[in-house]
Amino acid sequence: MTLLTVINEVADIVSLDRFDSVYGTNDPNAQTMVALAEEAGAEIARRADWKRMLTTHAVSASPELLPADYQRLAPGGAVRAADGHFFRPIANGAQWAVIVGIASAEPYCHLRGREMHFSPAAFAAGATIEYVSKNWVLGDPYEERDTFRADDDTTLFPEWLLKKGLIWRWKRQKGLSFEDNLAEFEADLLQEINADRGTS
């Protein structure tokens, strides 16, 4: 489903006329729908590590600047050395200072801002960082980004979740009862997250 399709299906449910176009139009209802779709999509994207949003980055040196679309490290062993061993992540800056001061054969990594640091630094070359991209919109032709820009944009997560998220947000914004729709959205979101992980 495209952004336009999702919004028109929601329009049917909330008793609005269908739209010929929603992105870039002056229609206040269309503008509201697009804004709410952005809000819903961003939330859905943040709440799971969707497989279609997982990506990798090849490391060349330490420190390594993370890609512009980096949102967070993938769950589990997110940083692998070229030989297949996993780097042990160190979150605490003080612990990192101790680790880099001691020669070690054990590979460690530390995320500081938008840079990934490695110890020993020689292990950085050829390492792979697995991460969740902040991009959840698929535009044409296959441009991944984190915002809608056209009526025919789609999402990298199940589009019908966008529809469910849009329905309760529209009702809430209009002062209507939305609690049942929100509960339905939450249940469906959990089900889709589990299906995406292969656990349902």
C-alpha atoms as a PDB file:
ATOM      1  CA  MET A   1       0.000   0.000   0.000  1.00  0.00           C
ATOM      2  CA  THR A   2       1.144   3.512  -0.714  1.00  0.00           C
ATOM      3  CA  LEU A   3       0.746   6.564   1.502  1.00  0.00           C
ATOM      4  CA  LEU A   4      -2.232   7.635  -0.619  1.00  0.00           C
ATOM      5  CA  THR A   5      -3.835   4.184  -0.410  1.00  0.00           C
ATOM      6  CA  VAL A   6      -3.418   4.022   3.368  1.00  0.00           C
ATOM      7  CA  ILE A   7      -4.865   7.490   3.874  1.00  0.00           C
ATOM      8  CA  ASN A   8      -7.816   6.778   1.570  1.00  0.00           C
ATOM      9  CA  GLU A   9      -8.590   3.564   3.461  1.00  0.00           C
ATOM     10  CA  VAL A  10      -8.526   5.541   6.702  1.00  0.00           C
ATOM     11  CA  ALA A  11     -10.723   8.212   5.085  1.00  0.00           C
ATOM     12  CA  ASP A  12     -13.308   5.506   4.338  1.00  0.00           C
ATOM     13  CA  ILE A  13     -13.322   4.469   7.997  1.00  0.00           C
ATOM     14  CA  VAL A  14     -13.493   7.981   9.470  1.00  0.00           C
ATOM     15  CA  SER A  15     -16.117   9.184   6.963  1.00  0.00           C
ATOM     16  CA  LEU A  16     -14.016  11.537   4.862  1.00  0.00           C
ATOM     17  CA  ASP A  17     -14.084  11.839   1.094  1.00  0.00           C
ATOM     18  CA  ARG A  18     -11.225  10.054  -0.633  1.00  0.00           C
ATOM     19  CA  PHE A  19      -8.287  12.136  -1.794  1.00  0.00           C
ATOM     20  CA  ASP A  20      -6.829  12.306  -5.304  1.00  0.00           C
ATOM     21  CA  SER A  21      -3.531  13.345  -3.756  1.00  0.00           C
ATOM     22  CA  VAL A  22      -2.384  13.950  -0.189  1.00  0.00           C
ATOM     23  CA  TYR A  23       1.245  14.968  -0.304  1.00  0.00           C
ATOM     24  CA  GLY A  24       1.760  18.657  -1.008  1.00  0.00           C
ATOM     25  CA  THR A  25      -1.944  19.482  -1.210  1.00  0.00           C
ATOM     26  CA  ASN A  26      -3.601  22.467   0.484  1.00  0.00           C
ATOM     27  CA  ASP A  27      -6.510  20.380   1.801  1.00  0.00           C
ATOM     28  CA  PRO A  28      -6.385  20.676   5.619  1.00  0.00           C
ATOM     29  CA  ASN A  29      -7.679  17.123   6.108  1.00  0.00           C
ATOM     30  CA  ALA A  30      -5.008  15.747   3.778  1.00  0.00           C
ATOM     31  CA  GLN A  31      -2.317  17.763   5.545  1.00  0.00           C
ATOM     32  CA  THR A  32      -3.485  16.441   8.903  1.00  0.00           C
ATOM     33  CA  MET A  33      -3.521  12.874   7.593  1.00  0.00           C
ATOM     34  CA  VAL A  34       0.036  13.190   6.263  1.00  0.00           C
ATOM     35  CA  ALA A  35       1.268  14.697   9.539  1.00  0.00           C
ATOM     36  CA  LEU A  36      -0.398  11.921  11.541  1.00  0.00           C
ATOM     37  CA  ALA A  37       0.984   9.298   9.149  1.00  0.00           C
ATOM     38  CA  GLU A  38       4.490  10.693   9.726  1.00  0.00           C
ATOM     39  CA  GLU A  39       3.958  10.499  13.477  1.00  0.00           C
ATOM     40  CA  ALA A  40       2.557   6.966  13.322  1.00  0.00           C
ATOM     41  CA  GLY A  41       5.250   5.732  10.955  1.00  0.00           C
ATOM     42  CA  ALA A  42       8.083   7.140  13.039  1.00  0.00           C
ATOM     43  CA  GLU A  43       6.678   5.476  16.159  1.00  0.00           C
ATOM     44  CA  ILE A  44       6.187   2.102  14.471  1.00  0.00           C
ATOM     45  CA  ALA A  45       9.721   2.234  13.084  1.00  0.00           C
ATOM     46  CA  ARG A  46      11.210   3.062  16.506  1.00  0.00           C
ATOM     47  CA  ARG A  47       9.362   0.372  18.406  1.00  0.00           C
ATOM     48  CA  ALA A  48      10.917  -2.626  16.664  1.00  0.00           C
ATOM     49  CA  ASP A  49      14.055  -3.783  14.919  1.00  0.00           C
ATOM     50  CA  TRP A  50      12.260  -4.472  11.631  1.00  0.00           C
ATOM     51  CA  LYS A  51      14.225  -6.852   9.401  1.00  0.00           C
ATOM     52  CA  ARG A  52      13.859  -4.581   6.385  1.00  0.00           C
ATOM     53  CA  MET A  53      15.449  -1.763   8.383  1.00  0.00           C
ATOM     54  CA  LEU A  54      18.495  -3.792   9.461  1.00  0.00           C
ATOM     55  CA  THR A  55      21.649  -3.000   7.546  1.00  0.00           C
ATOM     56  CA  THR A  56      25.424  -3.280   7.808  1.00  0.00           C
ATOM     57  CA  HIS A  57      28.387  -0.964   7.589  1.00  0.00           C
ATOM     58  CA  ALA A  58      31.937  -2.016   6.712  1.00  0.00           C
ATOM     59  CA  VAL A  59      34.559  -0.541   9.026  1.00  0.00           C
ATOM     60  CA  SER A  60      37.844   0.759   7.672  1.00  0.00           C
ATOM     61  CA  ALA A  61      39.569   2.206  10.758  1.00  0.00           C
ATOM     62  CA  SER A  62      39.159   3.250  14.377  1.00  0.00           C
ATOM     63  CA  PRO A  63      37.354   5.469  15.097  1.00  0.00           C
ATOM     64  CA  GLU A  64      34.721   4.826  12.435  1.00  0.00           C
ATOM     65  CA  LEU A  65      32.087   7.446  11.669  1.00  0.00           C
ATOM     66  CA  LEU A  66      28.667   5.806  11.561  1.00  0.00           C
ATOM     67  CA  PRO A  67      26.449   6.212   8.482  1.00  0.00           C
ATOM     68  CA  ALA A  68      23.948   9.074   8.313  1.00  0.00           C
ATOM     69  CA  ASP A  69      21.011   6.649   8.542  1.00  0.00           C
ATOM     70  CA  TYR A  70      22.291   5.022  11.759  1.00  0.00           C
ATOM     71  CA  GLN A  71      19.646   4.853  14.488  1.00  0.00           C
ATOM     72  CA  ARG A  72      20.894   2.185  16.900  1.00  0.00           C
ATOM     73  CA  LEU A  73      22.944  -0.992  17.005  1.00  0.00           C
ATOM     74  CA  ALA A  74      21.165  -4.183  16.031  1.00  0.00           C
ATOM     75  CA  PRO A  75      20.314  -6.501  18.912  1.00  0.00           C
ATOM     76  CA  GLY A  76      22.786  -9.205  19.827  1.00  0.00           C
ATOM     77  CA  GLY A  77      26.294  -9.290  18.403  1.00  0.00           C
ATOM     78  CA  ALA A  78      26.124  -6.096  16.420  1.00  0.00           C
ATOM     79  CA  VAL A  79      29.848  -5.646  15.748  1.00  0.00           C
ATOM     80  CA  ARG A  80      31.917  -8.452  14.201  1.00  0.00           C
ATOM     81  CA  ALA A  81      35.612  -8.548  13.443  1.00  0.00           C
ATOM     82  CA  ALA A  82      36.830  -9.651  10.024  1.00  0.00           C
ATOM     83  CA  ASP A  83      37.671 -13.082  11.478  1.00  0.00           C
ATOM     84  CA  GLY A  84      34.081 -13.540  12.695  1.00  0.00           C
ATOM     85  CA  HIS A  85      34.651 -12.859  16.387  1.00  0.00           C
ATOM     86  CA  PHE A  86      32.319 -10.434  18.090  1.00  0.00           C
ATOM     87  CA  PHE A  87      33.518  -7.218  19.677  1.00  0.00           C
ATOM     88  CA  ARG A  88      32.485  -6.794  23.292  1.00  0.00           C
ATOM     89  CA  PRO A  89      30.627  -3.493  23.568  1.00  0.00           C
ATOM     90  CA  ILE A  90      31.676  -1.123  26.346  1.00  0.00           C
ATOM     91  CA  ALA A  91      29.091   1.537  27.195  1.00  0.00           C
ATOM     92  CA  ASN A  92      30.893   3.272  30.048  1.00  0.00           C
ATOM     93  CA  GLY A  93      33.465   5.909  29.072  1.00  0.00           C
ATOM     94  CA  ALA A  94      35.598   5.308  32.171  1.00  0.00           C
ATOM     95  CA  GLN A  95      35.768   1.579  31.460  1.00  0.00           C
ATOM     96  CA  TRP A  96      36.707   2.353  27.875  1.00  0.00           C
ATOM     97  CA  ALA A  97      39.583   4.551  29.049  1.00  0.00           C
ATOM     98  CA  VAL A  98      40.958   1.624  31.059  1.00  0.00           C
ATOM     99  CA  ILE A  99      40.543  -0.835  28.174  1.00  0.00           C
ATOM    100  CA  VAL A 100      42.414   1.291  25.631  1.00  0.00           C
ATOM    101  CA  GLY A 101      45.222   1.771  28.138  1.00  0.00           C
ATOM    102  CA  ILE A 102      45.832  -1.960  28.457  1.00  0.00           C
ATOM    103  CA  ALA A 103      47.078  -4.160  25.638  1.00  0.00           C
ATOM    104  CA  SER A 104      44.497  -6.866  24.989  1.00  0.00           C
ATOM    105  CA  ALA A 105      43.892  -9.538  22.396  1.00  0.00           C
ATOM    106  CA  GLU A 106      40.166  -9.403  23.202  1.00  0.00           C
ATOM    107  CA  PRO A 107      38.267  -7.151  20.747  1.00  0.00           C
ATOM    108  CA  TYR A 108      36.265  -4.315  22.328  1.00  0.00           C
ATOM    109  CA  CYS A 109      34.215  -1.481  20.879  1.00  0.00           C
ATOM    110  CA  HIS A 110      32.792   1.719  22.294  1.00  0.00           C
ATOM    111  CA  LEU A 111      30.169   3.996  20.785  1.00  0.00           C
ATOM    112  CA  ARG A 112      30.863   7.670  21.424  1.00  0.00           C
ATOM    113  CA  GLY A 113      28.446  10.019  19.724  1.00  0.00           C
ATOM    114  CA  ARG A 114      28.418   9.038  16.058  1.00  0.00           C
ATOM    115  CA  GLU A 115      31.780   7.278  16.186  1.00  0.00           C
ATOM    116  CA  MET A 116      32.580   3.651  16.920  1.00  0.00           C
ATOM    117  CA  HIS A 117      35.957   3.133  18.583  1.00  0.00           C
ATOM    118  CA  PHE A 118      37.807  -0.181  18.569  1.00  0.00           C
ATOM    119  CA  SER A 119      40.440  -1.768  20.755  1.00  0.00           C
ATOM    120  CA  PRO A 120      42.820  -3.064  19.647  1.00  0.00           C
ATOM    121  CA  ALA A 121      42.542  -0.540  16.809  1.00  0.00           C
ATOM    122  CA  ALA A 122      44.068  -3.007  14.351  1.00  0.00           C
ATOM    123  CA  PHE A 123      40.940  -5.183  14.658  1.00  0.00           C
ATOM    124  CA  ALA A 124      38.790  -2.394  13.218  1.00  0.00           C
ATOM    125  CA  ALA A 125      39.778  -2.912   9.578  1.00  0.00           C
ATOM    126  CA  GLY A 126      37.298  -5.251   7.943  1.00  0.00           C
ATOM    127  CA  ALA A 127      34.881  -5.286  10.879  1.00  0.00           C
ATOM    128  CA  THR A 128      31.145  -5.111  10.261  1.00  0.00           C
ATOM    129  CA  ILE A 129      28.632  -3.056  12.230  1.00  0.00           C
ATOM    130  CA  GLU A 130      25.040  -4.272  12.103  1.00  0.00           C
ATOM    131  CA  TYR A 131      22.561  -1.525  12.848  1.00  0.00           C
ATOM    132  CA  VAL A 132      18.955  -0.444  12.568  1.00  0.00           C
ATOM    133  CA  SER A 133      18.492   2.299  10.017  1.00  0.00           C
ATOM    134  CA  LYS A 134      16.377   5.338  10.840  1.00  0.00           C
ATOM    135  CA  ASN A 135      14.929   5.107   7.314  1.00  0.00           C
ATOM    136  CA  TRP A 136      11.455   3.590   7.292  1.00  0.00           C
ATOM    137  CA  VAL A 137      10.016   5.040   4.069  1.00  0.00           C
ATOM    138  CA  LEU A 138      10.658   3.539   0.651  1.00  0.00           C
ATOM    139  CA  GLY A 139      10.328   6.050  -2.156  1.00  0.00           C
ATOM    140  CA  ASP A 140      10.635   5.653  -5.878  1.00  0.00           C
ATOM    141  CA  PRO A 141      13.019   4.434  -7.188  1.00  0.00           C
ATOM    142  CA  TYR A 142      13.961   2.450  -4.069  1.00  0.00           C
ATOM    143  CA  GLU A 143      15.128   5.462  -2.102  1.00  0.00           C
ATOM    144  CA  GLU A 144      15.064   4.782   1.626  1.00  0.00           C
ATOM    145  CA  ARG A 145      14.437   7.779   3.877  1.00  0.00           C
ATOM    146  CA  ASP A 146      12.839   8.749   7.181  1.00  0.00           C
ATOM    147  CA  THR A 147       9.985  10.905   5.913  1.00  0.00           C
ATOM    148  CA  PHE A 148       7.237  10.834   3.312  1.00  0.00           C
ATOM    149  CA  ARG A 149       7.794  12.880   0.153  1.00  0.00           C
ATOM    150  CA  ALA A 150       5.219  11.525  -2.294  1.00  0.00           C
ATOM    151  CA  ASP A 151       1.804   9.889  -2.533  1.00  0.00           C
ATOM    152  CA  ASP A 152       3.312   6.630  -3.790  1.00  0.00           C
ATOM    153  CA  ASP A 153       5.790   6.196  -0.914  1.00  0.00           C
ATOM    154  CA  THR A 154       5.543   2.931   1.019  1.00  0.00           C
ATOM    155  CA  THR A 155       6.941   1.748   4.357  1.00  0.00           C
ATOM    156  CA  LEU A 156       9.595  -0.801   5.290  1.00  0.00           C
ATOM    157  CA  PHE A 157       7.278  -2.287   7.920  1.00  0.00           C
ATOM    158  CA  PRO A 158       3.791  -3.741   7.308  1.00  0.00           C
ATOM    159  CA  GLU A 159       1.777  -0.863   5.844  1.00  0.00           C
ATOM    160  CA  TRP A 160      -1.454  -1.878   7.486  1.00  0.00           C
ATOM    161  CA  LEU A 161       0.126  -0.940  10.828  1.00  0.00           C
ATOM    162  CA  LEU A 162       0.383   2.601   9.494  1.00  0.00           C
ATOM    163  CA  LYS A 163      -3.333   2.470   8.754  1.00  0.00           C
ATOM    164  CA  LYS A 164      -4.120   1.266  12.287  1.00  0.00           C
ATOM    165  CA  GLY A 165      -1.864   3.916  13.820  1.00  0.00           C
ATOM    166  CA  LEU A 166      -3.432   6.600  11.687  1.00  0.00           C
ATOM    167  CA  ILE A 167      -7.015   5.677  12.640  1.00  0.00           C
ATOM    168  CA  TRP A 168      -6.556   6.086  16.386  1.00  0.00           C
ATOM    169  CA  ARG A 169      -4.503   9.241  15.967  1.00  0.00           C
ATOM    170  CA  TRP A 170      -7.161  10.812  13.728  1.00  0.00           C
ATOM    171  CA  LYS A 171      -9.898   9.985  16.207  1.00  0.00           C
ATOM    172  CA  ARG A 172      -7.870  11.324  19.132  1.00  0.00           C
ATOM    173  CA  GLN A 173      -7.100  14.526  17.232  1.00  0.00           C
ATOM    174  CA  LYS A 174     -10.812  15.032  16.511  1.00  0.00           C
ATOM    175  CA  GLY A 175     -11.815  14.427  20.139  1.00  0.00           C
ATOM    176  CA  LEU A 176     -13.515  11.112  19.371  1.00  0.00           C
ATOM    177  CA  SER A 177     -13.286   7.885  21.332  1.00  0.00           C
ATOM    178  CA  PHE A 178     -10.074   6.162  20.226  1.00  0.00           C
ATOM    179  CA  GLU A 179      -9.160   3.792  23.058  1.00  0.00           C
ATOM    180  CA  ASP A 180     -10.445   0.648  21.302  1.00  0.00           C
ATOM    181  CA  ASN A 181      -8.551   1.587  18.140  1.00  0.00           C
ATOM    182  CA  LEU A 182      -5.387   2.212  20.143  1.00  0.00           C
ATOM    183  CA  ALA A 183      -5.696  -1.161  21.895  1.00  0.00           C
ATOM    184  CA  GLU A 184      -6.228  -2.865  18.537  1.00  0.00           C
ATOM    185  CA  PHE A 185      -3.188  -1.072  17.110  1.00  0.00           C
ATOM    186  CA  GLU A 186      -1.018  -2.134  20.065  1.00  0.00           C
ATOM    187  CA  ALA A 187      -2.107  -5.777  19.770  1.00  0.00           C
ATOM    188  CA  ASP A 188      -1.507  -5.811  16.019  1.00  0.00           C
ATOM    189  CA  LEU A 189       1.861  -4.093  16.428  1.00  0.00           C
ATOM    190  CA  LEU A 190       3.008  -6.742  18.898  1.00  0.00           C
ATOM    191  CA  GLN A 191       1.809  -9.512  16.600  1.00  0.00           C
ATOM    192  CA  GLU A 192       3.671  -8.043  13.614  1.00  0.00           C
ATOM    193  CA  ILE A 193       6.846  -7.501  15.648  1.00  0.00           C
ATOM    194  CA  ASN A 194       6.771 -11.158  16.682  1.00  0.00           C
ATOM    195  CA  ALA A 195       6.085 -12.260  13.106  1.00  0.00           C
ATOM    196  CA  ASP A 196       8.973 -10.145  11.842  1.00  0.00           C
ATOM    197  CA  ARG A 197      11.251 -11.804  14.405  1.00  0.00           C
ATOM    198  CA  GLY A 198       9.921 -15.224  13.439  1.00  0.00           C
ATOM    199  CA  THR A 199       8.467 -15.892  16.885  1.00  0.00           C
ATOM    200  CA  SER A 200       4.734 -15.918  16.203  1.00  0.00           C
END
